[in-house]
Amino acid sequence: MGGDSSSRTSKRRASMSIGSDFKEATFIVGKLVRILKRKAEIEVEDEDTGEPSLMKVRLAEDVNIDINTIGEDVKAVIVDGKVARITPLMGMVGGDRQRTEV
């Protein structure tokens, strides 16, 4: 399978090349902190330091987010630089935000 050398996988993020509709999808797991005018803030664990950091991402035009997911652990799918979907992670134990099944 000839993958893109820029594709990376880690405990929190996974990138993959899919078809011709878009070049890359990135999956981010963290806590949804805030939603503002087509932007979202997600608290993630810094890969280098392990400290929490705030990631600010733009939302795609057709994305709907349930206001009740603010403060919850979520998985965000980023396509072409914008969040295409945010899904709450209901089955996580003890606030462990690193495990993700991709």
Foldseek 3Di string as FASTA:
>chain_A
DDWDPPFDDDLAWGWGQDDDPFGIKIKGKFAFADDDDQKTWGWDQDPPPRHTDIDIAGADPPEDDDPVSHRAIWIFIDTPRHTDYIGGDDPDPPRPRRHDDD
